[in-house]
């Protein structure tokens, strides 16, 4: 299996997993996926960012806090659709304790 084929398989897995999430909180910047069947698995509870909002990471993180309110884990897994946008806000996330 070559790396392109592997990457396609990973993207397809992530797409399927996101679409199967019972709770989808749509926001202007993307979607928060919450799956209470798998509360300890970050890949099942994450934010898919399609466009960085004007408020930057702060808006995304506030929406994630709201979506995961009442759960035992503060999920902070994010996937960006556009790598260039992710790179553009990387330093802001690092200042908040995230690791790229």
PDB file of N, CA and C in Angstrom:
ATOM      1  N   UNK A   1       0.853  -1.176   0.000  1.00  0.00           N
ATOM      2  CA  UNK A   1       0.000   0.000   0.000  1.00  0.00           C
ATOM      3  C   UNK A   1       0.897   1.237   0.000  1.00  0.00           C
ATOM      4  N   UNK A   2       0.669   2.138  -0.933  1.00  0.00           N
ATOM      5  CA  UNK A   2       1.477   3.360  -0.965  1.00  0.00           C
ATOM      6  C   UNK A   2       0.877   4.407  -0.022  1.00  0.00           C
ATOM      7  N   UNK A   3       1.630   5.471   0.217  1.00  0.00           N
ATOM      8  CA  UNK A   3       1.183   6.467   1.194  1.00  0.00           C
ATOM      9  C   UNK A   3      -0.073   7.204   0.752  1.00  0.00           C
ATOM     10  N   UNK A   4      -0.235   7.459  -0.542  1.00  0.00           N
ATOM     11  CA  UNK A   4      -1.460   8.121  -1.015  1.00  0.00           C
ATOM     12  C   UNK A   4      -2.682   7.254  -0.739  1.00  0.00           C
ATOM     13  N   UNK A   5      -2.537   5.966  -0.998  1.00  0.00           N
ATOM     14  CA  UNK A   5      -3.646   5.043  -0.756  1.00  0.00           C
ATOM     15  C   UNK A   5      -3.959   4.964   0.744  1.00  0.00           C
ATOM     16  N   UNK A   6      -2.919   4.950   1.562  1.00  0.00           N
ATOM     17  CA  UNK A   6      -3.116   4.911   3.003  1.00  0.00           C
ATOM     18  C   UNK A   6      -3.816   6.185   3.485  1.00  0.00           C
ATOM     19  N   UNK A   7      -3.403   7.322   2.958  1.00  0.00           N
ATOM     20  CA  UNK A   7      -4.025   8.591   3.346  1.00  0.00           C
ATOM     21  C   UNK A   7      -5.496   8.614   2.950  1.00  0.00           C
ATOM     22  N   UNK A   8      -5.827   8.118   1.774  1.00  0.00           N
ATOM     23  CA  UNK A   8      -7.233   8.041   1.352  1.00  0.00           C
ATOM     24  C   UNK A   8      -8.030   7.154   2.307  1.00  0.00           C
ATOM     25  N   UNK A   9      -7.437   6.048   2.726  1.00  0.00           N
ATOM     26  CA  UNK A   9      -8.115   5.135   3.651  1.00  0.00           C
ATOM     27  C   UNK A   9      -8.349   5.805   5.002  1.00  0.00           C
ATOM     28  N   UNK A  10      -7.363   6.542   5.486  1.00  0.00           N
ATOM     29  CA  UNK A  10      -7.514   7.249   6.765  1.00  0.00           C
ATOM     30  C   UNK A  10      -8.602   8.307   6.661  1.00  0.00           C
ATOM     31  N   UNK A  11      -8.593   9.088   5.581  1.00  0.00           N
ATOM     32  CA  UNK A  11      -9.624  10.121   5.403  1.00  0.00           C
ATOM     33  C   UNK A  11     -11.014   9.503   5.327  1.00  0.00           C
ATOM     34  N   UNK A  12     -11.140   8.387   4.642  1.00  0.00           N
ATOM     35  CA  UNK A  12     -12.436   7.711   4.525  1.00  0.00           C
ATOM     36  C   UNK A  12     -12.899   7.197   5.889  1.00  0.00           C
ATOM     37  N   UNK A  13     -11.960   6.654   6.665  1.00  0.00           N
ATOM     38  CA  UNK A  13     -12.302   6.203   8.012  1.00  0.00           C
ATOM     39  C   UNK A  13     -12.794   7.370   8.859  1.00  0.00           C
ATOM     40  N   UNK A  14     -12.070   8.473   8.823  1.00  0.00           N
ATOM     41  CA  UNK A  14     -12.461   9.640   9.619  1.00  0.00           C
ATOM     42  C   UNK A  14     -13.811  10.184   9.169  1.00  0.00           C
ATOM     43  N   UNK A  15     -14.050  10.219   7.873  1.00  0.00           N
ATOM     44  CA  UNK A  15     -15.337  10.696   7.366  1.00  0.00           C
ATOM     45  C   UNK A  15     -16.466   9.797   7.855  1.00  0.00           C
ATOM     46  N   UNK A  16     -16.287   8.503   7.751  1.00  0.00           N
ATOM     47  CA  UNK A  16     -17.317   7.558   8.191  1.00  0.00           C
ATOM     48  C   UNK A  16     -17.552   7.681   9.689  1.00  0.00           C
ATOM     49  N   UNK A  17     -16.479   7.739  10.462  1.00  0.00           N
ATOM     50  CA  UNK A  17     -16.613   7.858  11.915  1.00  0.00           C
ATOM     51  C   UNK A  17     -17.351   9.134  12.295  1.00  0.00           C
ATOM     52  N   UNK A  18     -17.048  10.235  11.621  1.00  0.00           N
ATOM     53  CA  UNK A  18     -17.727  11.501  11.927  1.00  0.00           C
ATOM     54  C   UNK A  18     -19.205  11.405  11.606  1.00  0.00           C
ATOM     55  N   UNK A  19     -19.531  10.841  10.464  1.00  0.00           N
ATOM     56  CA  UNK A  19     -20.932  10.775  10.053  1.00  0.00           C
ATOM     57  C   UNK A  19     -21.752   9.840  10.930  1.00  0.00           C
ATOM     58  N   UNK A  20     -21.109   8.882  11.593  1.00  0.00           N
ATOM     59  CA  UNK A  20     -21.816   7.962  12.479  1.00  0.00           C
ATOM     60  C   UNK A  20     -22.002   8.523  13.886  1.00  0.00           C
ATOM     61  N   UNK A  21     -21.359   9.630  14.184  1.00  0.00           N
ATOM     62  CA  UNK A  21     -21.502  10.225  15.516  1.00  0.00           C
ATOM     63  C   UNK A  21     -22.960  10.592  15.760  1.00  0.00           C
ATOM     64  N   UNK A  22     -23.512  10.169  16.901  1.00  0.00           N
ATOM     65  CA  UNK A  22     -24.918  10.458  17.182  1.00  0.00           C
ATOM     66  C   UNK A  22     -25.227  11.951  17.339  1.00  0.00           C
ATOM     67  N   UNK A  23     -24.260  12.711  17.822  1.00  0.00           N
ATOM     68  CA  UNK A  23     -24.502  14.136  18.064  1.00  0.00           C
ATOM     69  C   UNK A  23     -23.566  14.948  17.173  1.00  0.00           C
ATOM     70  N   UNK A  24     -24.180  15.803  16.373  1.00  0.00           N
ATOM     71  CA  UNK A  24     -23.414  16.692  15.494  1.00  0.00           C
ATOM     72  C   UNK A  24     -23.872  18.117  15.781  1.00  0.00           C
ATOM     73  N   UNK A  25     -22.956  18.944  16.248  1.00  0.00           N
ATOM     74  CA  UNK A  25     -23.268  20.335  16.552  1.00  0.00           C
ATOM     75  C   UNK A  25     -22.649  21.185  15.446  1.00  0.00           C
ATOM     76  N   UNK A  26     -23.474  21.648  14.550  1.00  0.00           N
ATOM     77  CA  UNK A  26     -22.991  22.436  13.406  1.00  0.00           C
ATOM     78  C   UNK A  26     -22.794  23.893  13.839  1.00  0.00           C
ATOM     79  N   UNK A  27     -21.662  24.427  13.468  1.00  0.00           N
ATOM     80  CA  UNK A  27     -21.306  25.807  13.778  1.00  0.00           C
ATOM     81  C   UNK A  27     -20.875  26.465  12.466  1.00  0.00           C
ATOM     82  N   UNK A  28     -20.818  27.792  12.417  1.00  0.00           N
ATOM     83  CA  UNK A  28     -20.386  28.458  11.183  1.00  0.00           C
ATOM     84  C   UNK A  28     -18.969  28.059  10.748  1.00  0.00           C
ATOM     85  N   UNK A  29     -18.130  27.682  11.673  1.00  0.00           N
ATOM     86  CA  UNK A  29     -16.743  27.326  11.371  1.00  0.00           C
ATOM     87  C   UNK A  29     -16.548  25.837  11.071  1.00  0.00           C
ATOM     88  N   UNK A  30     -17.565  24.999  11.319  1.00  0.00           N
ATOM     89  CA  UNK A  30     -17.420  23.560  11.109  1.00  0.00           C
ATOM     90  C   UNK A  30     -18.420  22.789  11.955  1.00  0.00           C
ATOM     91  N   UNK A  31     -18.019  21.632  12.456  1.00  0.00           N
ATOM     92  CA  UNK A  31     -18.923  20.775  13.210  1.00  0.00           C
ATOM     93  C   UNK A  31     -18.196  20.132  14.377  1.00  0.00           C
ATOM     94  N   UNK A  32     -18.884  20.063  15.521  1.00  0.00           N
ATOM     95  CA  UNK A  32     -18.390  19.301  16.664  1.00  0.00           C
ATOM     96  C   UNK A  32     -19.113  17.963  16.634  1.00  0.00           C
ATOM     97  N   UNK A  33     -18.346  16.887  16.692  1.00  0.00           N
ATOM     98  CA  UNK A  33     -18.910  15.538  16.698  1.00  0.00           C
ATOM     99  C   UNK A  33     -18.752  14.956  18.098  1.00  0.00           C
ATOM    100  N   UNK A  34     -19.867  14.504  18.670  1.00  0.00           N
ATOM    101  CA  UNK A  34     -19.859  13.945  20.020  1.00  0.00           C
ATOM    102  C   UNK A  34     -20.477  12.556  19.974  1.00  0.00           C
ATOM    103  N   UNK A  35     -19.755  11.590  20.516  1.00  0.00           N
ATOM    104  CA  UNK A  35     -20.246  10.215  20.541  1.00  0.00           C
ATOM    105  C   UNK A  35     -20.114   9.679  21.960  1.00  0.00           C
ATOM    106  N   UNK A  36     -21.215   9.738  22.704  1.00  0.00           N
ATOM    107  CA  UNK A  36     -21.208   9.312  24.101  1.00  0.00           C
ATOM    108  C   UNK A  36     -21.019   7.805  24.261  1.00  0.00           C
ATOM    109  N   UNK A  37     -21.101   7.048  23.175  1.00  0.00           N
ATOM    110  CA  UNK A  37     -20.822   5.609  23.251  1.00  0.00           C
ATOM    111  C   UNK A  37     -19.338   5.365  23.485  1.00  0.00           C
ATOM    112  N   UNK A  38     -18.526   6.330  23.093  1.00  0.00           N
ATOM    113  CA  UNK A  38     -17.073   6.206  23.205  1.00  0.00           C
ATOM    114  C   UNK A  38     -16.510   7.452  23.897  1.00  0.00           C
ATOM    115  N   UNK A  39     -16.839   7.651  25.167  1.00  0.00           N
ATOM    116  CA  UNK A  39     -16.462   8.901  25.834  1.00  0.00           C
ATOM    117  C   UNK A  39     -14.962   9.099  26.031  1.00  0.00           C
ATOM    118  N   UNK A  40     -14.184   8.037  25.988  1.00  0.00           N
ATOM    119  CA  UNK A  40     -12.746   8.156  26.219  1.00  0.00           C
ATOM    120  C   UNK A  40     -11.930   8.238  24.936  1.00  0.00           C
ATOM    121  N   UNK A  41     -12.583   8.146  23.796  1.00  0.00           N
ATOM    122  CA  UNK A  41     -11.864   8.145  22.521  1.00  0.00           C
ATOM    123  C   UNK A  41     -11.959   9.526  21.876  1.00  0.00           C
ATOM    124  N   UNK A  42     -10.831  10.212  21.852  1.00  0.00           N
ATOM    125  CA  UNK A  42     -10.820  11.576  21.320  1.00  0.00           C
ATOM    126  C   UNK A  42     -11.187  11.631  19.845  1.00  0.00           C
ATOM    127  N   UNK A  43     -10.827  10.602  19.078  1.00  0.00           N
ATOM    128  CA  UNK A  43     -11.139  10.605  17.653  1.00  0.00           C
ATOM    129  C   UNK A  43     -12.639  10.488  17.396  1.00  0.00           C
ATOM    130  N   UNK A  44     -13.401  10.063  18.394  1.00  0.00           N
ATOM    131  CA  UNK A  44     -14.857   9.976  18.255  1.00  0.00           C
ATOM    132  C   UNK A  44     -15.539  11.239  18.775  1.00  0.00           C
ATOM    133  N   UNK A  45     -14.774  12.114  19.394  1.00  0.00           N
ATOM    134  CA  UNK A  45     -15.307  13.338  20.003  1.00  0.00           C
ATOM    135  C   UNK A  45     -14.370  14.478  19.644  1.00  0.00           C
ATOM    136  N   UNK A  46     -14.690  15.162  18.566  1.00  0.00           N
ATOM    137  CA  UNK A  46     -13.746  16.154  18.055  1.00  0.00           C
ATOM    138  C   UNK A  46     -14.458  17.255  17.289  1.00  0.00           C
ATOM    139  N   UNK A  47     -13.674  18.249  16.922  1.00  0.00           N
ATOM    140  CA  UNK A  47     -14.183  19.336  16.078  1.00  0.00           C
ATOM    141  C   UNK A  47     -13.516  19.231  14.717  1.00  0.00           C
ATOM    142  N   UNK A  48     -14.340  19.317  13.678  1.00  0.00           N
ATOM    143  CA  UNK A  48     -13.854  19.344  12.295  1.00  0.00           C
ATOM    144  C   UNK A  48     -13.981  20.790  11.838  1.00  0.00           C
ATOM    145  N   UNK A  49     -12.862  21.445  11.614  1.00  0.00           N
ATOM    146  CA  UNK A  49     -12.843  22.870  11.293  1.00  0.00           C
ATOM    147  C   UNK A  49     -12.741  23.053   9.779  1.00  0.00           C
ATOM    148  N   UNK A  50     -13.771  23.665   9.195  1.00  0.00           N
ATOM    149  CA  UNK A  50     -13.762  23.915   7.751  1.00  0.00           C
ATOM    150  C   UNK A  50     -13.282  25.325   7.434  1.00  0.00           C
ATOM    151  N   UNK A  51     -13.441  26.255   8.380  1.00  0.00           N
ATOM    152  CA  UNK A  51     -12.999  27.640   8.193  1.00  0.00           C
ATOM    153  C   UNK A  51     -12.756  28.253   9.567  1.00  0.00           C
ATOM    154  N   UNK A  52     -11.608  28.868   9.745  1.00  0.00           N
ATOM    155  CA  UNK A  52     -11.296  29.497  11.028  1.00  0.00           C
ATOM    156  C   UNK A  52     -12.186  30.723  11.195  1.00  0.00           C
ATOM    157  N   UNK A  53     -12.931  30.820  12.310  1.00  0.00           N
ATOM    158  CA  UNK A  53     -13.822  31.961  12.503  1.00  0.00           C
ATOM    159  C   UNK A  53     -13.050  33.235  12.823  1.00  0.00           C
ATOM    160  N   UNK A  54     -13.745  34.360  12.714  1.00  0.00           N
ATOM    161  CA  UNK A  54     -13.104  35.652  13.008  1.00  0.00           C
ATOM    162  C   UNK A  54     -12.531  35.702  14.406  1.00  0.00           C
ATOM    163  N   UNK A  55     -13.197  35.081  15.352  1.00  0.00           N
ATOM    164  CA  UNK A  55     -12.710  35.070  16.726  1.00  0.00           C
ATOM    165  C   UNK A  55     -11.520  34.156  16.933  1.00  0.00           C
ATOM    166  N   UNK A  56     -11.105  33.469  15.878  1.00  0.00           N
ATOM    167  CA  UNK A  56      -9.976  32.557  15.975  1.00  0.00           C
ATOM    168  C   UNK A  56     -10.291  31.351  16.839  1.00  0.00           C
ATOM    169  N   UNK A  57      -9.265  30.760  17.426  1.00  0.00           N
ATOM    170  CA  UNK A  57      -9.442  29.556  18.225  1.00  0.00           C
ATOM    171  C   UNK A  57     -10.413  29.718  19.393  1.00  0.00           C
ATOM    172  N   UNK A  58     -10.495  30.914  19.936  1.00  0.00           N
ATOM    173  CA  UNK A  58     -11.354  31.135  21.108  1.00  0.00           C
ATOM    174  C   UNK A  58     -12.796  30.722  20.835  1.00  0.00           C
ATOM    175  N   UNK A  59     -13.325  31.088  19.675  1.00  0.00           N
ATOM    176  CA  UNK A  59     -14.709  30.732  19.311  1.00  0.00           C
ATOM    177  C   UNK A  59     -14.870  29.215  19.185  1.00  0.00           C
ATOM    178  N   UNK A  60     -13.901  28.575  18.551  1.00  0.00           N
ATOM    179  CA  UNK A  60     -13.949  27.120  18.376  1.00  0.00           C
ATOM    180  C   UNK A  60     -13.946  26.431  19.740  1.00  0.00           C
ATOM    181  N   UNK A  61     -13.023  26.834  20.607  1.00  0.00           N
ATOM    182  CA  UNK A  61     -12.902  26.193  21.915  1.00  0.00           C
ATOM    183  C   UNK A  61     -14.137  26.428  22.776  1.00  0.00           C
ATOM    184  N   UNK A  62     -14.721  27.609  22.704  1.00  0.00           N
ATOM    185  CA  UNK A  62     -15.952  27.887  23.461  1.00  0.00           C
ATOM    186  C   UNK A  62     -17.093  27.000  22.970  1.00  0.00           C
ATOM    187  N   UNK A  63     -17.198  26.833  21.661  1.00  0.00           N
ATOM    188  CA  UNK A  63     -18.242  25.967  21.109  1.00  0.00           C
ATOM    189  C   UNK A  63     -18.007  24.510  21.498  1.00  0.00           C
ATOM    190  N   UNK A  64     -16.751  24.090  21.546  1.00  0.00           N
ATOM    191  CA  UNK A  64     -16.451  22.722  21.979  1.00  0.00           C
ATOM    192  C   UNK A  64     -16.829  22.531  23.442  1.00  0.00           C
ATOM    193  N   UNK A  65     -16.501  23.517  24.284  1.00  0.00           N
ATOM    194  CA  UNK A  65     -16.880  23.427  25.700  1.00  0.00           C
ATOM    195  C   UNK A  65     -18.382  23.258  25.847  1.00  0.00           C
ATOM    196  N   UNK A  66     -19.131  24.021  25.076  1.00  0.00           N
ATOM    197  CA  UNK A  66     -20.593  23.937  25.137  1.00  0.00           C
ATOM    198  C   UNK A  66     -21.078  22.568  24.659  1.00  0.00           C
ATOM    199  N   UNK A  67     -20.529  22.075  23.569  1.00  0.00           N
ATOM    200  CA  UNK A  67     -20.962  20.791  23.008  1.00  0.00           C
ATOM    201  C   UNK A  67     -20.649  19.620  23.937  1.00  0.00           C
ATOM    202  N   UNK A  68     -19.553  19.710  24.685  1.00  0.00           N
ATOM    203  CA  UNK A  68     -19.162  18.612  25.563  1.00  0.00           C
ATOM    204  C   UNK A  68     -19.516  18.862  27.024  1.00  0.00           C
ATOM    205  N   UNK A  69     -20.297  19.880  27.292  1.00  0.00           N
ATOM    206  CA  UNK A  69     -20.722  20.158  28.667  1.00  0.00           C
ATOM    207  C   UNK A  69     -21.430  18.920  29.223  1.00  0.00           C
ATOM    208  N   UNK A  70     -21.105  18.574  30.453  1.00  0.00           N
ATOM    209  CA  UNK A  70     -21.737  17.426  31.096  1.00  0.00           C
ATOM    210  C   UNK A  70     -21.014  16.107  30.871  1.00  0.00           C
ATOM    211  N   UNK A  71     -19.982  16.109  30.031  1.00  0.00           N
ATOM    212  CA  UNK A  71     -19.209  14.882  29.836  1.00  0.00           C
ATOM    213  C   UNK A  71     -18.054  14.867  30.833  1.00  0.00           C
ATOM    214  N   UNK A  72     -17.488  13.692  31.037  1.00  0.00           N
ATOM    215  CA  UNK A  72     -16.423  13.566  32.035  1.00  0.00           C
ATOM    216  C   UNK A  72     -15.056  14.004  31.512  1.00  0.00           C
ATOM    217  N   UNK A  73     -14.945  14.191  30.201  1.00  0.00           N
ATOM    218  CA  UNK A  73     -13.662  14.576  29.605  1.00  0.00           C
ATOM    219  C   UNK A  73     -13.823  15.874  28.822  1.00  0.00           C
ATOM    220  N   UNK A  74     -12.847  16.733  28.960  1.00  0.00           N
ATOM    221  CA  UNK A  74     -12.836  17.981  28.190  1.00  0.00           C
ATOM    222  C   UNK A  74     -12.131  17.706  26.861  1.00  0.00           C
ATOM    223  N   UNK A  75     -12.906  17.354  25.864  1.00  0.00           N
ATOM    224  CA  UNK A  75     -12.316  16.999  24.574  1.00  0.00           C
ATOM    225  C   UNK A  75     -11.769  18.236  23.871  1.00  0.00           C
ATOM    226  N   UNK A  76     -10.560  18.076  23.315  1.00  0.00           N
ATOM    227  CA  UNK A  76      -9.893  19.173  22.620  1.00  0.00           C
ATOM    228  C   UNK A  76      -9.269  18.715  21.310  1.00  0.00           C
ATOM    229  N   UNK A  77      -9.762  17.621  20.744  1.00  0.00           N
ATOM    230  CA  UNK A  77      -9.227  17.139  19.468  1.00  0.00           C
ATOM    231  C   UNK A  77      -9.844  17.949  18.336  1.00  0.00           C
ATOM    232  N   UNK A  78      -8.989  18.471  17.467  1.00  0.00           N
ATOM    233  CA  UNK A  78      -9.442  19.257  16.318  1.00  0.00           C
ATOM    234  C   UNK A  78      -8.803  18.718  15.050  1.00  0.00           C
ATOM    235  N   UNK A  79      -9.583  18.683  13.997  1.00  0.00           N
ATOM    236  CA  UNK A  79      -9.070  18.352  12.670  1.00  0.00           C
ATOM    237  C   UNK A  79      -9.433  19.502  11.745  1.00  0.00           C
ATOM    238  N   UNK A  80      -8.449  19.981  11.009  1.00  0.00           N
ATOM    239  CA  UNK A  80      -8.675  21.085  10.077  1.00  0.00           C
ATOM    240  C   UNK A  80      -8.772  20.540   8.664  1.00  0.00           C
ATOM    241  N   UNK A  81      -9.782  20.978   7.952  1.00  0.00           N
ATOM    242  CA  UNK A  81      -9.946  20.571   6.560  1.00  0.00           C
ATOM    243  C   UNK A  81      -8.834  21.153   5.692  1.00  0.00           C
ATOM    244  N   UNK A  82      -8.393  22.350   6.030  1.00  0.00           N
ATOM    245  CA  UNK A  82      -7.385  23.055   5.238  1.00  0.00           C
ATOM    246  C   UNK A  82      -6.105  23.205   6.070  1.00  0.00           C
ATOM    247  N   UNK A  83      -5.048  22.521   5.650  1.00  0.00           N
ATOM    248  CA  UNK A  83      -3.789  22.552   6.391  1.00  0.00           C
ATOM    249  C   UNK A  83      -3.202  23.958   6.480  1.00  0.00           C
ATOM    250  N   UNK A  84      -3.385  24.771   5.447  1.00  0.00           N
ATOM    251  CA  UNK A  84      -2.849  26.135   5.483  1.00  0.00           C
ATOM    252  C   UNK A  84      -3.554  26.973   6.545  1.00  0.00           C
ATOM    253  N   UNK A  85      -4.867  26.809   6.681  1.00  0.00           N
ATOM    254  CA  UNK A  85      -5.585  27.529   7.736  1.00  0.00           C
ATOM    255  C   UNK A  85      -5.111  27.063   9.108  1.00  0.00           C
ATOM    256  N   UNK A  86      -4.917  25.765   9.255  1.00  0.00           N
ATOM    257  CA  UNK A  86      -4.433  25.226  10.528  1.00  0.00           C
ATOM    258  C   UNK A  86      -3.075  25.827  10.872  1.00  0.00           C
ATOM    259  N   UNK A  87      -2.195  25.885   9.889  1.00  0.00           N
ATOM    260  CA  UNK A  87      -0.873  26.446  10.112  1.00  0.00           C
ATOM    261  C   UNK A  87      -0.973  27.923  10.495  1.00  0.00           C
ATOM    262  N   UNK A  88      -1.935  28.627   9.909  1.00  0.00           N
ATOM    263  CA  UNK A  88      -2.113  30.049  10.191  1.00  0.00           C
ATOM    264  C   UNK A  88      -2.498  30.353  11.631  1.00  0.00           C
ATOM    265  N   UNK A  89      -3.150  29.418  12.310  1.00  0.00           N
ATOM    266  CA  UNK A  89      -3.558  29.636  13.709  1.00  0.00           C
ATOM    267  C   UNK A  89      -2.791  28.735  14.673  1.00  0.00           C
ATOM    268  N   UNK A  90      -1.797  28.052  14.156  1.00  0.00           N
ATOM    269  CA  UNK A  90      -1.037  27.120  14.984  1.00  0.00           C
ATOM    270  C   UNK A  90      -0.443  27.784  16.218  1.00  0.00           C
ATOM    271  N   UNK A  91       0.176  28.943  16.059  1.00  0.00           N
ATOM    272  CA  UNK A  91       0.805  29.627  17.198  1.00  0.00           C
ATOM    273  C   UNK A  91      -0.225  30.002  18.262  1.00  0.00           C
ATOM    274  N   UNK A  92      -1.424  30.394  17.844  1.00  0.00           N
ATOM    275  CA  UNK A  92      -2.474  30.729  18.814  1.00  0.00           C
ATOM    276  C   UNK A  92      -2.853  29.507  19.640  1.00  0.00           C
ATOM    277  N   UNK A  93      -2.930  28.352  19.004  1.00  0.00           N
ATOM    278  CA  UNK A  93      -3.242  27.122  19.731  1.00  0.00           C
ATOM    279  C   UNK A  93      -2.090  26.718  20.644  1.00  0.00           C
ATOM    280  N   UNK A  94      -0.855  26.878  20.188  1.00  0.00           N
ATOM    281  CA  UNK A  94       0.307  26.546  21.013  1.00  0.00           C
ATOM    282  C   UNK A  94       0.307  27.393  22.277  1.00  0.00           C
ATOM    283  N   UNK A  95      -0.020  28.680  22.157  1.00  0.00           N
ATOM    284  CA  UNK A  95      -0.087  29.559  23.334  1.00  0.00           C
ATOM    285  C   UNK A  95      -1.143  29.087  24.332  1.00  0.00           C
ATOM    286  N   UNK A  96      -2.122  28.337  23.864  1.00  0.00           N
ATOM    287  CA  UNK A  96      -3.177  27.807  24.739  1.00  0.00           C
ATOM    288  C   UNK A  96      -2.850  26.395  25.239  1.00  0.00           C
ATOM    289  N   UNK A  97      -1.644  25.934  24.963  1.00  0.00           N
ATOM    290  CA  UNK A  97      -1.209  24.638  25.473  1.00  0.00           C
ATOM    291  C   UNK A  97      -1.358  23.464  24.526  1.00  0.00           C
ATOM    292  N   UNK A  98      -1.766  23.722  23.297  1.00  0.00           N
ATOM    293  CA  UNK A  98      -1.898  22.645  22.310  1.00  0.00           C
ATOM    294  C   UNK A  98      -0.534  22.304  21.733  1.00  0.00           C
ATOM    295  N   UNK A  99      -0.421  21.063  21.245  1.00  0.00           N
ATOM    296  CA  UNK A  99       0.783  20.636  20.541  1.00  0.00           C
ATOM    297  C   UNK A  99       0.410  20.327  19.100  1.00  0.00           C
ATOM    298  N   UNK A 100       1.191  20.825  18.129  1.00  0.00           N
ATOM    299  CA  UNK A 100       0.872  20.550  16.719  1.00  0.00           C
ATOM    300  C   UNK A 100       1.073  19.079  16.380  1.00  0.00           C
TER     301      UNK A 100
END
